[in-house]
Amino acid sequence: MPGTITIRLPEKLQRDLEKIVKAENASKSDVIRDALERYVALKRFQQLRKRVLPFAEAEGLITDEDIFKTVS
């Protein structure tokens, strides 16, 4: 069941949101929902990366390049 959240935005952010809404012919809810979904996905990724980092470092996988070389 969808919930409702009320937020307060600074005026500049409100203006920027309005521009995006008009340019994309979308609703404010759609734009904010999309942004929040991306933010949550990024945070989940960061948390997972933090948990596996010690294991990767133990295998000598320090940089993204190290990982790409190993995977390729």
Protein backbone atom coordinates (compact mmCIF):
# COMPACT_ATOMS: atom_id res chain seq x y z
CA MET A 1 0.00 0.00 0.00
CA PRO A 2 1.52 3.35 -1.01
CA GLY A 3 2.31 5.81 1.74
CA THR A 4 2.43 9.57 1.78
CA ILE A 5 5.42 11.63 2.85
CA THR A 6 5.52 15.39 3.21
CA ILE A 7 8.86 17.12 2.70
CA ARG A 8 10.02 20.71 2.71
CA LEU A 9 12.34 21.83 -0.05
CA PRO A 10 14.42 24.98 -0.36
CA GLU A 11 13.05 27.35 -2.99
CA LYS A 12 15.88 26.72 -5.45
CA LEU A 13 15.36 22.97 -5.27
CA GLN A 14 11.63 23.48 -5.80
CA ARG A 15 12.33 25.57 -8.92
CA ASP A 16 14.74 22.95 -10.22
CA LEU A 17 12.17 20.23 -9.60
CA GLU A 18 9.52 22.22 -11.48
CA LYS A 19 11.86 22.56 -14.48
CA ILE A 20 12.47 18.81 -14.54
CA VAL A 21 8.77 18.04 -14.17
CA LYS A 22 7.92 20.28 -17.12
CA ALA A 23 10.80 19.05 -19.29
CA GLU A 24 9.99 15.37 -18.70
CA ASN A 25 6.21 15.78 -18.61
CA ALA A 26 6.20 13.86 -15.34
CA SER A 27 4.69 14.37 -11.93
CA LYS A 28 6.64 15.60 -8.94
CA SER A 29 5.91 12.28 -7.26
CA ASP A 30 7.39 10.34 -10.18
CA VAL A 31 10.57 12.42 -10.24
CA ILE A 32 11.05 12.30 -6.47
CA ARG A 33 10.25 8.57 -6.34
CA ASP A 34 12.82 7.88 -9.07
CA ALA A 35 15.44 9.97 -7.27
CA LEU A 36 14.76 8.21 -3.97
CA GLU A 37 14.92 4.75 -5.57
CA ARG A 38 18.32 5.62 -7.04
CA TYR A 39 19.53 6.98 -3.70
CA VAL A 40 18.43 3.84 -1.85
CA ALA A 41 20.09 1.60 -4.46
CA LEU A 42 23.33 3.59 -4.15
CA LYS A 43 23.28 3.31 -0.35
CA ARG A 44 22.67 -0.46 -0.56
CA PHE A 45 25.61 -0.78 -2.95
CA GLN A 46 27.85 1.27 -0.65
CA GLN A 47 26.89 -0.87 2.35
CA LEU A 48 27.56 -4.09 0.44
CA ARG A 49 30.88 -2.78 -0.82
CA LYS A 50 31.89 -1.85 2.72
CA ARG A 51 31.11 -5.40 3.92
CA VAL A 52 33.06 -7.16 1.17
CA LEU A 53 36.00 -4.75 1.02
CA PRO A 54 38.08 -6.60 3.66
CA PHE A 55 37.70 -9.87 1.70
CA ALA A 56 38.65 -8.19 -1.58
CA GLU A 57 41.69 -6.53 -0.03
CA ALA A 58 42.80 -9.87 1.40
CA GLU A 59 42.80 -11.22 -2.17
CA GLY A 60 44.80 -8.22 -3.42
CA LEU A 61 41.81 -6.58 -5.10
CA ILE A 62 42.30 -2.95 -4.19
CA THR A 63 41.15 -0.95 -7.22
CA ASP A 64 38.30 -1.35 -9.70
CA GLU A 65 40.98 -2.12 -12.29
CA ASP A 66 42.18 -5.07 -10.17
CA ILE A 67 38.65 -6.44 -10.14
CA PHE A 68 38.15 -5.94 -13.89
CA LYS A 69 41.41 -7.78 -14.60
CA THR A 70 40.35 -10.67 -12.36
CA VAL A 71 36.88 -10.92 -13.84
CA SER A 72 38.00 -10.62 -17.47
